[in-house]
PDB file of N, CA and C in Angstrom:
ATOM      1  N   MET A   1       3.006  -8.517  -3.480  1.00  0.00           N
ATOM      2  CA  MET A   1       3.981  -9.248  -2.684  1.00  0.00           C
ATOM      3  C   MET A   1       3.925  -8.709  -1.253  1.00  0.00           C
ATOM      4  N   THR A   2       3.731  -9.598  -0.298  1.00  0.00           N
ATOM      5  CA  THR A   2       3.623  -9.196   1.104  1.00  0.00           C
ATOM      6  C   THR A   2       5.004  -8.976   1.721  1.00  0.00           C
ATOM      7  N   GLU A   3       5.011  -8.365   2.894  1.00  0.00           N
ATOM      8  CA  GLU A   3       6.268  -8.165   3.612  1.00  0.00           C
ATOM      9  C   GLU A   3       6.927  -9.498   3.927  1.00  0.00           C
ATOM     10  N   ASN A   4       6.142 -10.473   4.332  1.00  0.00           N
ATOM     11  CA  ASN A   4       6.695 -11.789   4.641  1.00  0.00           C
ATOM     12  C   ASN A   4       7.323 -12.431   3.401  1.00  0.00           C
ATOM     13  N   GLU A   5       6.677 -12.299   2.248  1.00  0.00           N
ATOM     14  CA  GLU A   5       7.231 -12.850   1.008  1.00  0.00           C
ATOM     15  C   GLU A   5       8.538 -12.158   0.632  1.00  0.00           C
ATOM     16  N   VAL A   6       8.589 -10.855   0.818  1.00  0.00           N
ATOM     17  CA  VAL A   6       9.812 -10.098   0.540  1.00  0.00           C
ATOM     18  C   VAL A   6      10.938 -10.561   1.460  1.00  0.00           C
ATOM     19  N   ALA A   7      10.652 -10.639   2.760  1.00  0.00           N
ATOM     20  CA  ALA A   7      11.671 -11.042   3.735  1.00  0.00           C
ATOM     21  C   ALA A   7      12.139 -12.473   3.488  1.00  0.00           C
ATOM     22  N   THR A   8      11.209 -13.367   3.159  1.00  0.00           N
ATOM     23  CA  THR A   8      11.569 -14.765   2.896  1.00  0.00           C
ATOM     24  C   THR A   8      12.464 -14.881   1.665  1.00  0.00           C
ATOM     25  N   ALA A   9      12.117 -14.176   0.597  1.00  0.00           N
ATOM     26  CA  ALA A   9      12.942 -14.213  -0.623  1.00  0.00           C
ATOM     27  C   ALA A   9      14.324 -13.627  -0.360  1.00  0.00           C
ATOM     28  N   PHE A  10      14.389 -12.545   0.397  1.00  0.00           N
ATOM     29  CA  PHE A  10      15.678 -11.920   0.684  1.00  0.00           C
ATOM     30  C   PHE A  10      16.523 -12.820   1.582  1.00  0.00           C
ATOM     31  N   ALA A  11      15.904 -13.451   2.569  1.00  0.00           N
ATOM     32  CA  ALA A  11      16.638 -14.369   3.448  1.00  0.00           C
ATOM     33  C   ALA A  11      17.226 -15.528   2.649  1.00  0.00           C
ATOM     34  N   ALA A  12      16.446 -16.083   1.737  1.00  0.00           N
ATOM     35  CA  ALA A  12      16.955 -17.179   0.896  1.00  0.00           C
ATOM     36  C   ALA A  12      18.112 -16.707   0.036  1.00  0.00           C
ATOM     37  N   TRP A  13      18.016 -15.516  -0.512  1.00  0.00           N
ATOM     38  CA  TRP A  13      19.082 -14.934  -1.334  1.00  0.00           C
ATOM     39  C   TRP A  13      20.355 -14.745  -0.505  1.00  0.00           C
ATOM     40  N   LEU A  14      20.185 -14.223   0.716  1.00  0.00           N
ATOM     41  CA  LEU A  14      21.343 -14.043   1.600  1.00  0.00           C
ATOM     42  C   LEU A  14      22.003 -15.377   1.915  1.00  0.00           C
ATOM     43  N   GLU A  15      21.204 -16.383   2.241  1.00  0.00           N
ATOM     44  CA  GLU A  15      21.761 -17.698   2.579  1.00  0.00           C
ATOM     45  C   GLU A  15      22.518 -18.300   1.408  1.00  0.00           C
ATOM     46  N   ARG A  16      22.028 -18.093   0.193  1.00  0.00           N
ATOM     47  CA  ARG A  16      22.762 -18.591  -0.990  1.00  0.00           C
ATOM     48  C   ARG A  16      24.099 -17.864  -1.142  1.00  0.00           C
ATOM     49  N   ASP A  17      24.190 -16.654  -0.584  1.00  0.00           N
ATOM     50  CA  ASP A  17      25.414 -15.865  -0.670  1.00  0.00           C
ATOM     51  C   ASP A  17      26.312 -16.063   0.561  1.00  0.00           C
ATOM     52  N   GLY A  18      25.998 -17.064   1.381  1.00  0.00           N
ATOM     53  CA  GLY A  18      26.869 -17.383   2.505  1.00  0.00           C
ATOM     54  C   GLY A  18      26.519 -16.730   3.826  1.00  0.00           C
ATOM     55  N   TRP A  19      25.424 -16.000   3.903  1.00  0.00           N
ATOM     56  CA  TRP A  19      24.986 -15.384   5.148  1.00  0.00           C
ATOM     57  C   TRP A  19      24.221 -16.404   5.977  1.00  0.00           C
ATOM     58  N   THR A  20      24.235 -16.231   7.286  1.00  0.00           N
ATOM     59  CA  THR A  20      23.448 -17.036   8.203  1.00  0.00           C
ATOM     60  C   THR A  20      22.411 -16.133   8.845  1.00  0.00           C
ATOM     61  N   ILE A  21      21.144 -16.519   8.736  1.00  0.00           N
ATOM     62  CA  ILE A  21      20.074 -15.761   9.365  1.00  0.00           C
ATOM     63  C   ILE A  21      20.084 -16.109  10.847  1.00  0.00           C
ATOM     64  N   SER A  22      20.002 -15.094  11.688  1.00  0.00           N
ATOM     65  CA  SER A  22      20.151 -15.280  13.122  1.00  0.00           C
ATOM     66  C   SER A  22      19.190 -14.342  13.856  1.00  0.00           C
ATOM     67  N   PRO A  23      18.838 -14.687  15.102  1.00  0.00           N
ATOM     68  CA  PRO A  23      18.089 -13.711  15.895  1.00  0.00           C
ATOM     69  C   PRO A  23      18.956 -12.470  16.086  1.00  0.00           C
ATOM     70  N   GLY A  24      18.376 -11.324  15.942  1.00  0.00           N
ATOM     71  CA  GLY A  24      19.158 -10.093  16.029  1.00  0.00           C
ATOM     72  C   GLY A  24      19.069  -9.426  17.381  1.00  0.00           C
ATOM     73  N   PRO A  25      19.794  -8.324  17.518  1.00  0.00           N
ATOM     74  CA  PRO A  25      19.812  -7.589  18.784  1.00  0.00           C
ATOM     75  C   PRO A  25      18.511  -6.819  19.032  1.00  0.00           C
ATOM     76  N   ASP A  26      17.706  -6.628  17.987  1.00  0.00           N
ATOM     77  CA  ASP A  26      16.463  -5.871  18.097  1.00  0.00           C
ATOM     78  C   ASP A  26      15.317  -6.791  17.693  1.00  0.00           C
ATOM     79  N   ARG A  27      14.433  -7.099  18.599  1.00  0.00           N
ATOM     80  CA  ARG A  27      13.365  -8.058  18.306  1.00  0.00           C
ATOM     81  C   ARG A  27      12.397  -7.560  17.244  1.00  0.00           C
ATOM     82  N   TYR A  28      12.424  -6.273  16.935  1.00  0.00           N
ATOM     83  CA  TYR A  28      11.532  -5.721  15.920  1.00  0.00           C
ATOM     84  C   TYR A  28      12.139  -5.747  14.515  1.00  0.00           C
ATOM     85  N   LEU A  29      13.410  -6.058  14.426  1.00  0.00           N
ATOM     86  CA  LEU A  29      14.103  -6.114  13.149  1.00  0.00           C
ATOM     87  C   LEU A  29      13.538  -7.259  12.309  1.00  0.00           C
ATOM     88  N   ASP A  30      13.320  -7.025  11.020  1.00  0.00           N
ATOM     89  CA  ASP A  30      12.735  -8.062  10.166  1.00  0.00           C
ATOM     90  C   ASP A  30      13.700  -9.207   9.890  1.00  0.00           C
ATOM     91  N   LEU A  31      14.962  -8.900   9.657  1.00  0.00           N
ATOM     92  CA  LEU A  31      15.984  -9.929   9.421  1.00  0.00           C
ATOM     93  C   LEU A  31      17.305  -9.460  10.004  1.00  0.00           C
ATOM     94  N   TYR A  32      18.085 -10.417  10.452  1.00  0.00           N
ATOM     95  CA  TYR A  32      19.440 -10.153  10.919  1.00  0.00           C
ATOM     96  C   TYR A  32      20.290 -11.291  10.381  1.00  0.00           C
ATOM     97  N   ALA A  33      21.375 -10.960   9.704  1.00  0.00           N
ATOM     98  CA  ALA A  33      22.221 -11.989   9.100  1.00  0.00           C
ATOM     99  C   ALA A  33      23.678 -11.706   9.432  1.00  0.00           C
ATOM    100  N   ILE A  34      24.449 -12.779   9.546  1.00  0.00           N
ATOM    101  CA  ILE A  34      25.882 -12.633   9.839  1.00  0.00           C
ATOM    102  C   ILE A  34      26.691 -13.422   8.814  1.00  0.00           C
ATOM    103  N   ARG A  35      27.870 -12.874   8.509  1.00  0.00           N
ATOM    104  CA  ARG A  35      28.795 -13.543   7.593  1.00  0.00           C
ATOM    105  C   ARG A  35      30.175 -12.927   7.780  1.00  0.00           C
ATOM    106  N   ALA A  36      31.132 -13.756   8.133  1.00  0.00           N
ATOM    107  CA  ALA A  36      32.541 -13.351   8.210  1.00  0.00           C
ATOM    108  C   ALA A  36      32.743 -12.013   8.925  1.00  0.00           C
ATOM    109  N   GLY A  37      32.131 -11.861  10.076  1.00  0.00           N
ATOM    110  CA  GLY A  37      32.310 -10.641  10.858  1.00  0.00           C
ATOM    111  C   GLY A  37      31.376  -9.503  10.505  1.00  0.00           C
ATOM    112  N   ASP A  38      30.643  -9.614   9.410  1.00  0.00           N
ATOM    113  CA  ASP A  38      29.653  -8.591   9.055  1.00  0.00           C
ATOM    114  C   ASP A  38      28.308  -8.960   9.668  1.00  0.00           C
ATOM    115  N   ARG A  39      27.562  -7.942  10.049  1.00  0.00           N
ATOM    116  CA  ARG A  39      26.219  -8.115  10.591  1.00  0.00           C
ATOM    117  C   ARG A  39      25.276  -7.231   9.786  1.00  0.00           C
ATOM    118  N   LEU A  40      24.295  -7.836   9.160  1.00  0.00           N
ATOM    119  CA  LEU A  40      23.366  -7.109   8.304  1.00  0.00           C
ATOM    120  C   LEU A  40      22.010  -6.996   8.989  1.00  0.00           C
ATOM    121  N   HIS A  41      21.602  -5.756   9.242  1.00  0.00           N
ATOM    122  CA  HIS A  41      20.305  -5.445   9.843  1.00  0.00           C
ATOM    123  C   HIS A  41      19.361  -5.084   8.700  1.00  0.00           C
ATOM    124  N   VAL A  42      18.224  -5.771   8.612  1.00  0.00           N
ATOM    125  CA  VAL A  42      17.344  -5.622   7.459  1.00  0.00           C
ATOM    126  C   VAL A  42      15.917  -5.281   7.886  1.00  0.00           C
ATOM    127  N   GLU A  43      15.361  -4.277   7.230  1.00  0.00           N
ATOM    128  CA  GLU A  43      13.943  -3.959   7.346  1.00  0.00           C
ATOM    129  C   GLU A  43      13.309  -4.227   5.996  1.00  0.00           C
ATOM    130  N   ALA A  44      12.172  -4.894   6.002  1.00  0.00           N
ATOM    131  CA  ALA A  44      11.467  -5.221   4.760  1.00  0.00           C
ATOM    132  C   ALA A  44      10.082  -4.585   4.773  1.00  0.00           C
ATOM    133  N   LYS A  45       9.549  -4.362   3.588  1.00  0.00           N
ATOM    134  CA  LYS A  45       8.189  -3.841   3.452  1.00  0.00           C
ATOM    135  C   LYS A  45       7.576  -4.473   2.223  1.00  0.00           C
ATOM    136  N   GLY A  46       6.313  -4.814   2.322  1.00  0.00           N
ATOM    137  CA  GLY A  46       5.591  -5.365   1.181  1.00  0.00           C
ATOM    138  C   GLY A  46       4.905  -4.268   0.393  1.00  0.00           C
ATOM    139  N   ALA A  47       4.239  -4.657  -0.675  1.00  0.00           N
ATOM    140  CA  ALA A  47       3.472  -3.719  -1.484  1.00  0.00           C
ATOM    141  C   ALA A  47       2.137  -3.452  -0.799  1.00  0.00           C
ATOM    142  N   THR A  48       1.813  -2.195  -0.656  1.00  0.00           N
ATOM    143  CA  THR A  48       0.552  -1.802  -0.036  1.00  0.00           C
ATOM    144  C   THR A  48      -0.128  -0.765  -0.919  1.00  0.00           C
ATOM    145  N   GLN A  49      -1.293  -0.320  -0.512  1.00  0.00           N
ATOM    146  CA  GLN A  49      -1.998   0.679  -1.307  1.00  0.00           C
ATOM    147  C   GLN A  49      -1.310   2.031  -1.280  1.00  0.00           C
ATOM    148  N   ASP A  50      -0.682   2.362  -0.157  1.00  0.00           N
ATOM    149  CA  ASP A  50      -0.035   3.674  -0.059  1.00  0.00           C
ATOM    150  C   ASP A  50       1.481   3.500   0.012  1.00  0.00           C
ATOM    151  N   LYS A  51       2.062   3.205  -1.128  1.00  0.00           N
ATOM    152  CA  LYS A  51       3.486   2.870  -1.201  1.00  0.00           C
ATOM    153  C   LYS A  51       4.389   3.984  -0.687  1.00  0.00           C
ATOM    154  N   GLY A  52       4.041   5.243  -0.967  1.00  0.00           N
ATOM    155  CA  GLY A  52       4.877   6.358  -0.539  1.00  0.00           C
ATOM    156  C   GLY A  52       4.950   6.492   0.965  1.00  0.00           C
ATOM    157  N   ILE A  53       3.808   6.468   1.609  1.00  0.00           N
ATOM    158  CA  ILE A  53       3.786   6.581   3.075  1.00  0.00           C
ATOM    159  C   ILE A  53       4.460   5.378   3.705  1.00  0.00           C
ATOM    160  N   ASP A  54       4.192   4.189   3.177  1.00  0.00           N
ATOM    161  CA  ASP A  54       4.812   2.991   3.748  1.00  0.00           C
ATOM    162  C   ASP A  54       6.327   2.979   3.545  1.00  0.00           C
ATOM    163  N   ALA A  55       6.811   3.540   2.444  1.00  0.00           N
ATOM    164  CA  ALA A  55       8.263   3.668   2.251  1.00  0.00           C
ATOM    165  C   ALA A  55       8.844   4.626   3.282  1.00  0.00           C
ATOM    166  N   ASP A  56       8.128   5.707   3.563  1.00  0.00           N
ATOM    167  CA  ASP A  56       8.594   6.649   4.593  1.00  0.00           C
ATOM    168  C   ASP A  56       8.644   5.974   5.964  1.00  0.00           C
ATOM    169  N   ILE A  57       7.633   5.170   6.259  1.00  0.00           N
ATOM    170  CA  ILE A  57       7.624   4.417   7.520  1.00  0.00           C
ATOM    171  C   ILE A  57       8.812   3.465   7.571  1.00  0.00           C
ATOM    172  N   LEU A  58       9.088   2.802   6.458  1.00  0.00           N
ATOM    173  CA  LEU A  58      10.223   1.883   6.381  1.00  0.00           C
ATOM    174  C   LEU A  58      11.525   2.591   6.720  1.00  0.00           C
ATOM    175  N   TRP A  59      11.725   3.784   6.159  1.00  0.00           N
ATOM    176  CA  TRP A  59      12.944   4.537   6.469  1.00  0.00           C
ATOM    177  C   TRP A  59      13.025   4.866   7.956  1.00  0.00           C
ATOM    178  N   GLY A  60      11.907   5.250   8.540  1.00  0.00           N
ATOM    179  CA  GLY A  60      11.895   5.518   9.979  1.00  0.00           C
ATOM    180  C   GLY A  60      12.232   4.282  10.789  1.00  0.00           C
ATOM    181  N   GLN A  61      11.725   3.135  10.355  1.00  0.00           N
ATOM    182  CA  GLN A  61      12.004   1.882  11.074  1.00  0.00           C
ATOM    183  C   GLN A  61      13.489   1.539  11.036  1.00  0.00           C
ATOM    184  N   ILE A  62      14.116   1.627   9.876  1.00  0.00           N
ATOM    185  CA  ILE A  62      15.540   1.266   9.809  1.00  0.00           C
ATOM    186  C   ILE A  62      16.384   2.264  10.598  1.00  0.00           C
ATOM    187  N   LEU A  63      16.027   3.531  10.553  1.00  0.00           N
ATOM    188  CA  LEU A  63      16.786   4.531  11.314  1.00  0.00           C
ATOM    189  C   LEU A  63      16.712   4.256  12.815  1.00  0.00           C
ATOM    190  N   ARG A  64      15.549   3.873  13.298  1.00  0.00           N
ATOM    191  CA  ARG A  64      15.400   3.575  14.735  1.00  0.00           C
ATOM    192  C   ARG A  64      16.163   2.319  15.138  1.00  0.00           C
ATOM    193  N   ARG A  65      16.477   1.465  14.196  1.00  0.00           N
ATOM    194  CA  ARG A  65      17.123   0.202  14.522  1.00  0.00           C
ATOM    195  C   ARG A  65      18.631   0.204  14.224  1.00  0.00           C
ATOM    196  N   MET A  66      19.200   1.364  14.047  1.00  0.00           N
ATOM    197  CA  MET A  66      20.631   1.462  13.718  1.00  0.00           C
ATOM    198  C   MET A  66      21.480   1.547  14.988  1.00  0.00           C
ATOM    199  N   SER A  67      21.266   0.601  15.889  1.00  0.00           N
ATOM    200  CA  SER A  67      21.956   0.608  17.182  1.00  0.00           C
ATOM    201  C   SER A  67      23.456   0.376  17.061  1.00  0.00           C
ATOM    202  N   GLU A  68      23.891  -0.238  15.974  1.00  0.00           N
ATOM    203  CA  GLU A  68      25.320  -0.507  15.794  1.00  0.00           C
ATOM    204  C   GLU A  68      25.961   0.451  14.784  1.00  0.00           C
ATOM    205  N   PHE A  69      25.274   1.537  14.460  1.00  0.00           N
ATOM    206  CA  PHE A  69      25.793   2.475  13.465  1.00  0.00           C
ATOM    207  C   PHE A  69      27.214   2.912  13.836  1.00  0.00           C
ATOM    208  N   GLY A  70      28.106   2.834  12.864  1.00  0.00           N
ATOM    209  CA  GLY A  70      29.498   3.229  13.078  1.00  0.00           C
ATOM    210  C   GLY A  70      30.369   2.118  13.655  1.00  0.00           C
ATOM    211  N   THR A  71      29.773   1.005  14.009  1.00  0.00           N
ATOM    212  CA  THR A  71      30.525  -0.128  14.542  1.00  0.00           C
ATOM    213  C   THR A  71      31.057  -0.952  13.370  1.00  0.00           C
ATOM    214  N   PRO A  72      32.343  -1.294  13.377  1.00  0.00           N
ATOM    215  CA  PRO A  72      32.881  -2.098  12.270  1.00  0.00           C
ATOM    216  C   PRO A  72      32.058  -3.364  12.036  1.00  0.00           C
ATOM    217  N   GLY A  73      31.761  -3.624  10.788  1.00  0.00           N
ATOM    218  CA  GLY A  73      31.023  -4.812  10.402  1.00  0.00           C
ATOM    219  C   GLY A  73      29.515  -4.662  10.389  1.00  0.00           C
ATOM    220  N   ALA A  74      28.998  -3.563  10.917  1.00  0.00           N
ATOM    221  CA  ALA A  74      27.550  -3.350  10.936  1.00  0.00           C
ATOM    222  C   ALA A  74      27.104  -2.788   9.590  1.00  0.00           C
ATOM    223  N   ARG A  75      26.111  -3.443   9.004  1.00  0.00           N
ATOM    224  CA  ARG A  75      25.554  -3.011   7.723  1.00  0.00           C
ATOM    225  C   ARG A  75      24.042  -2.939   7.849  1.00  0.00           C
ATOM    226  N   TYR A  76      23.433  -2.122   7.008  1.00  0.00           N
ATOM    227  CA  TYR A  76      21.992  -1.914   7.063  1.00  0.00           C
ATOM    228  C   TYR A  76      21.406  -1.980   5.668  1.00  0.00           C
ATOM    229  N   ALA A  77      20.203  -2.561   5.579  1.00  0.00           N
ATOM    230  CA  ALA A  77      19.544  -2.671   4.283  1.00  0.00           C
ATOM    231  C   ALA A  77      18.034  -2.585   4.452  1.00  0.00           C
ATOM    232  N   ILE A  78      17.396  -2.044   3.421  1.00  0.00           N
ATOM    233  CA  ILE A  78      15.954  -2.138   3.327  1.00  0.00           C
ATOM    234  C   ILE A  78      15.648  -2.932   2.067  1.00  0.00           C
ATOM    235  N   VAL A  79      14.550  -3.693   2.133  1.00  0.00           N
ATOM    236  CA  VAL A  79      14.177  -4.584   1.037  1.00  0.00           C
ATOM    237  C   VAL A  79      12.696  -4.391   0.756  1.00  0.00           C
ATOM    238  N   VAL A  80      12.390  -4.209  -0.513  1.00  0.00           N
ATOM    239  CA  VAL A  80      11.002  -3.960  -0.926  1.00  0.00           C
ATOM    240  C   VAL A  80      10.702  -4.723  -2.210  1.00  0.00           C
ATOM    241  N   PRO A  81       9.426  -4.876  -2.529  1.00  0.00           N
ATOM    242  CA  PRO A  81       9.092  -5.423  -3.841  1.00  0.00           C
ATOM    243  C   PRO A  81       9.564  -4.460  -4.925  1.00  0.00           C
ATOM    244  N   ASP A  82       9.857  -4.987  -6.085  1.00  0.00           N
ATOM    245  CA  ASP A  82      10.323  -4.159  -7.195  1.00  0.00           C
ATOM    246  C   ASP A  82       9.352  -3.013  -7.487  1.00  0.00           C
ATOM    247  N   SER A  83       8.072  -3.244  -7.291  1.00  0.00           N
ATOM    248  CA  SER A  83       7.053  -2.225  -7.570  1.00  0.00           C
ATOM    249  C   SER A  83       7.101  -1.048  -6.599  1.00  0.00           C
ATOM    250  N   VAL A  84       7.845  -1.179  -5.530  1.00  0.00           N
ATOM    251  CA  VAL A  84       7.915  -0.142  -4.499  1.00  0.00           C
ATOM    252  C   VAL A  84       9.272   0.578  -4.499  1.00  0.00           C
ATOM    253  N   LYS A  85      10.247   0.062  -5.224  1.00  0.00           N
ATOM    254  CA  LYS A  85      11.611   0.589  -5.092  1.00  0.00           C
ATOM    255  C   LYS A  85      11.720   2.079  -5.399  1.00  0.00           C
ATOM    256  N   TRP A  86      10.943   2.581  -6.362  1.00  0.00           N
ATOM    257  CA  TRP A  86      11.020   4.006  -6.684  1.00  0.00           C
ATOM    258  C   TRP A  86      10.737   4.847  -5.443  1.00  0.00           C
ATOM    259  N   HIS A  87       9.764   4.421  -4.651  1.00  0.00           N
ATOM    260  CA  HIS A  87       9.389   5.172  -3.453  1.00  0.00           C
ATOM    261  C   HIS A  87      10.509   5.161  -2.413  1.00  0.00           C
ATOM    262  N   THR A  88      11.227   4.066  -2.306  1.00  0.00           N
ATOM    263  CA  THR A  88      12.316   3.995  -1.330  1.00  0.00           C
ATOM    264  C   THR A  88      13.534   4.787  -1.784  1.00  0.00           C
ATOM    265  N   LEU A  89      13.683   4.955  -3.086  1.00  0.00           N
ATOM    266  CA  LEU A  89      14.847   5.680  -3.618  1.00  0.00           C
ATOM    267  C   LEU A  89      14.642   7.193  -3.616  1.00  0.00           C
ATOM    268  N   ARG A  90      13.522   7.669  -3.076  1.00  0.00           N
ATOM    269  CA  ARG A  90      13.317   9.118  -2.963  1.00  0.00           C
ATOM    270  C   ARG A  90      14.257   9.728  -1.931  1.00  0.00           C
ATOM    271  N   VAL A  91      14.743   8.931  -0.991  1.00  0.00           N
ATOM    272  CA  VAL A  91      15.775   9.421  -0.079  1.00  0.00           C
ATOM    273  C   VAL A  91      17.019   9.613  -0.927  1.00  0.00           C
ATOM    274  N   PRO A  92      17.606  10.816  -0.917  1.00  0.00           N
ATOM    275  CA  PRO A  92      18.745  11.082  -1.798  1.00  0.00           C
ATOM    276  C   PRO A  92      19.891  10.074  -1.640  1.00  0.00           C
ATOM    277  N   ALA A  93      20.504   9.752  -2.753  1.00  0.00           N
ATOM    278  CA  ALA A  93      21.605   8.782  -2.772  1.00  0.00           C
ATOM    279  C   ALA A  93      22.713   9.177  -1.798  1.00  0.00           C
ATOM    280  N   ARG A  94      23.007  10.452  -1.709  1.00  0.00           N
ATOM    281  CA  ARG A  94      24.065  10.919  -0.803  1.00  0.00           C
ATOM    282  C   ARG A  94      23.721  10.602   0.655  1.00  0.00           C
ATOM    283  N   VAL A  95      22.476  10.774   1.029  1.00  0.00           N
ATOM    284  CA  VAL A  95      22.039  10.478   2.394  1.00  0.00           C
ATOM    285  C   VAL A  95      22.127   8.980   2.647  1.00  0.00           C
ATOM    286  N   ARG A  96      21.649   8.180   1.683  1.00  0.00           N
ATOM    287  CA  ARG A  96      21.738   6.727   1.832  1.00  0.00           C
ATOM    288  C   ARG A  96      23.190   6.293   2.000  1.00  0.00           C
ATOM    289  N   ALA A  97      24.085   6.890   1.219  1.00  0.00           N
ATOM    290  CA  ALA A  97      25.510   6.534   1.296  1.00  0.00           C
ATOM    291  C   ALA A  97      26.109   6.943   2.647  1.00  0.00           C
ATOM    292  N   LEU A  98      25.789   8.132   3.117  1.00  0.00           N
ATOM    293  CA  LEU A  98      26.319   8.587   4.402  1.00  0.00           C
ATOM    294  C   LEU A  98      25.865   7.690   5.550  1.00  0.00           C
ATOM    295  N   LEU A  99      24.631   7.212   5.464  1.00  0.00           N
ATOM    296  CA  LEU A  99      24.108   6.332   6.500  1.00  0.00           C
ATOM    297  C   LEU A  99      24.492   4.870   6.283  1.00  0.00           C
ATOM    298  N   GLY A 100      24.980   4.551   5.092  1.00  0.00           N
ATOM    299  CA  GLY A 100      25.366   3.175   4.795  1.00  0.00           C
ATOM    300  C   GLY A 100      24.181   2.239   4.673  1.00  0.00           C
ATOM    301  N   ILE A 101      23.064   2.745   4.158  1.00  0.00           N
ATOM    302  CA  ILE A 101      21.870   1.919   4.000  1.00  0.00           C
ATOM    303  C   ILE A 101      21.738   1.510   2.538  1.00  0.00           C
ATOM    304  N   GLU A 102      21.730   0.210   2.300  1.00  0.00           N
ATOM    305  CA  GLU A 102      21.582  -0.336   0.958  1.00  0.00           C
ATOM    306  C   GLU A 102      20.102  -0.618   0.699  1.00  0.00           C
ATOM    307  N   VAL A 103      19.686  -0.501  -0.557  1.00  0.00           N
ATOM    308  CA  VAL A 103      18.298  -0.770  -0.931  1.00  0.00           C
ATOM    309  C   VAL A 103      18.280  -1.938  -1.913  1.00  0.00           C
ATOM    310  N   TYR A 104      17.445  -2.932  -1.618  1.00  0.00           N
ATOM    311  CA  TYR A 104      17.298  -4.103  -2.469  1.00  0.00           C
ATOM    312  C   TYR A 104      15.841  -4.234  -2.896  1.00  0.00           C
ATOM    313  N   ALA A 105      15.636  -4.794  -4.087  1.00  0.00           N
ATOM    314  CA  ALA A 105      14.298  -5.033  -4.596  1.00  0.00           C
ATOM    315  C   ALA A 105      14.135  -6.510  -4.915  1.00  0.00           C
ATOM    316  N   VAL A 106      12.940  -7.019  -4.624  1.00  0.00           N
ATOM    317  CA  VAL A 106      12.589  -8.408  -4.897  1.00  0.00           C
ATOM    318  C   VAL A 106      11.516  -8.409  -5.984  1.00  0.00           C
ATOM    319  N   THR A 107      11.755  -9.181  -7.037  1.00  0.00           N
ATOM    320  CA  THR A 107      10.769  -9.276  -8.125  1.00  0.00           C
ATOM    321  C   THR A 107       9.693 -10.294  -7.754  1.00  0.00           C
ATOM    322  N   ASP A 108       8.644 -10.324  -8.563  1.00  0.00           N
ATOM    323  CA  ASP A 108       7.544 -11.263  -8.312  1.00  0.00           C
ATOM    324  C   ASP A 108       7.994 -12.721  -8.361  1.00  0.00           C
ATOM    325  N   ASN A 109       9.053 -13.011  -9.112  1.00  0.00           N
ATOM    326  CA  ASN A 109       9.544 -14.402  -9.176  1.00  0.00           C
ATOM    327  C   ASN A 109      10.566 -14.708  -8.081  1.00  0.00           C
ATOM    328  N   GLY A 110      10.798 -13.739  -7.157  1.00  0.00           N
ATOM    329  CA  GLY A 110      11.663 -13.977  -6.008  1.00  0.00           C
ATOM    330  C   GLY A 110      13.117 -13.630  -6.206  1.00  0.00           C
ATOM    331  N   SER A 111      13.495 -13.119  -7.376  1.00  0.00           N
ATOM    332  CA  SER A 111      14.900 -12.740  -7.552  1.00  0.00           C
ATOM    333  C   SER A 111      15.163 -11.407  -6.850  1.00  0.00           C
ATOM    334  N   VAL A 112      16.393 -11.229  -6.422  1.00  0.00           N
ATOM    335  CA  VAL A 112      16.789 -10.061  -5.642  1.00  0.00           C
ATOM    336  C   VAL A 112      17.893  -9.309  -6.380  1.00  0.00           C
ATOM    337  N   ALA A 113      17.821  -7.999  -6.356  1.00  0.00           N
ATOM    338  CA  ALA A 113      18.866  -7.168  -6.956  1.00  0.00           C
ATOM    339  C   ALA A 113      19.030  -5.905  -6.137  1.00  0.00           C
ATOM    340  N   ARG A 114      20.237  -5.404  -6.124  1.00  0.00           N
ATOM    341  CA  ARG A 114      20.496  -4.121  -5.473  1.00  0.00           C
ATOM    342  C   ARG A 114      19.768  -3.051  -6.265  1.00  0.00           C
ATOM    343  N   ALA A 115      18.946  -2.265  -5.618  1.00  0.00           N
ATOM    344  CA  ALA A 115      18.122  -1.262  -6.305  1.00  0.00           C
ATOM    345  C   ALA A 115      18.817   0.084  -6.425  1.00  0.00           C
ATOM    346  N   ASP A 116      19.814   0.305  -5.596  1.00  0.00           N
ATOM    347  CA  ASP A 116      20.443   1.629  -5.567  1.00  0.00           C
ATOM    348  C   ASP A 116      21.849   1.648  -6.131  1.00  0.00           C
ATOM    349  N   ALA A 117      22.251   0.589  -6.793  1.00  0.00           N
ATOM    350  CA  ALA A 117      23.616   0.524  -7.344  1.00  0.00           C
ATOM    351  C   ALA A 117      23.698   1.221  -8.691  1.00  0.00           C
TER     352      ALA A 117
END
């Protein structure tokens, strides 16, 4: 599953949940969605040969794009194929919670689930 396929499936899932996909404040951000005062900043990654390194890069990307951190309504998420989620969950749960970064996984059939719940 490519990064584009992951982002497309996640965007469709968000829209079904009432989110509106919008241009974001950071042109490098993969997805930006708004709903009822919440703003969701999303970084996506596809399956690659070096899943561990690419997951580490993904974490660096979302951290660099947390321009609204601490601002009411600002939320952050990373989205990966289900086959990559283990690599993204190597960041300790406590750290993810402190930063407010949610992790989602997309299956091969396009369904989305929270990976860190």
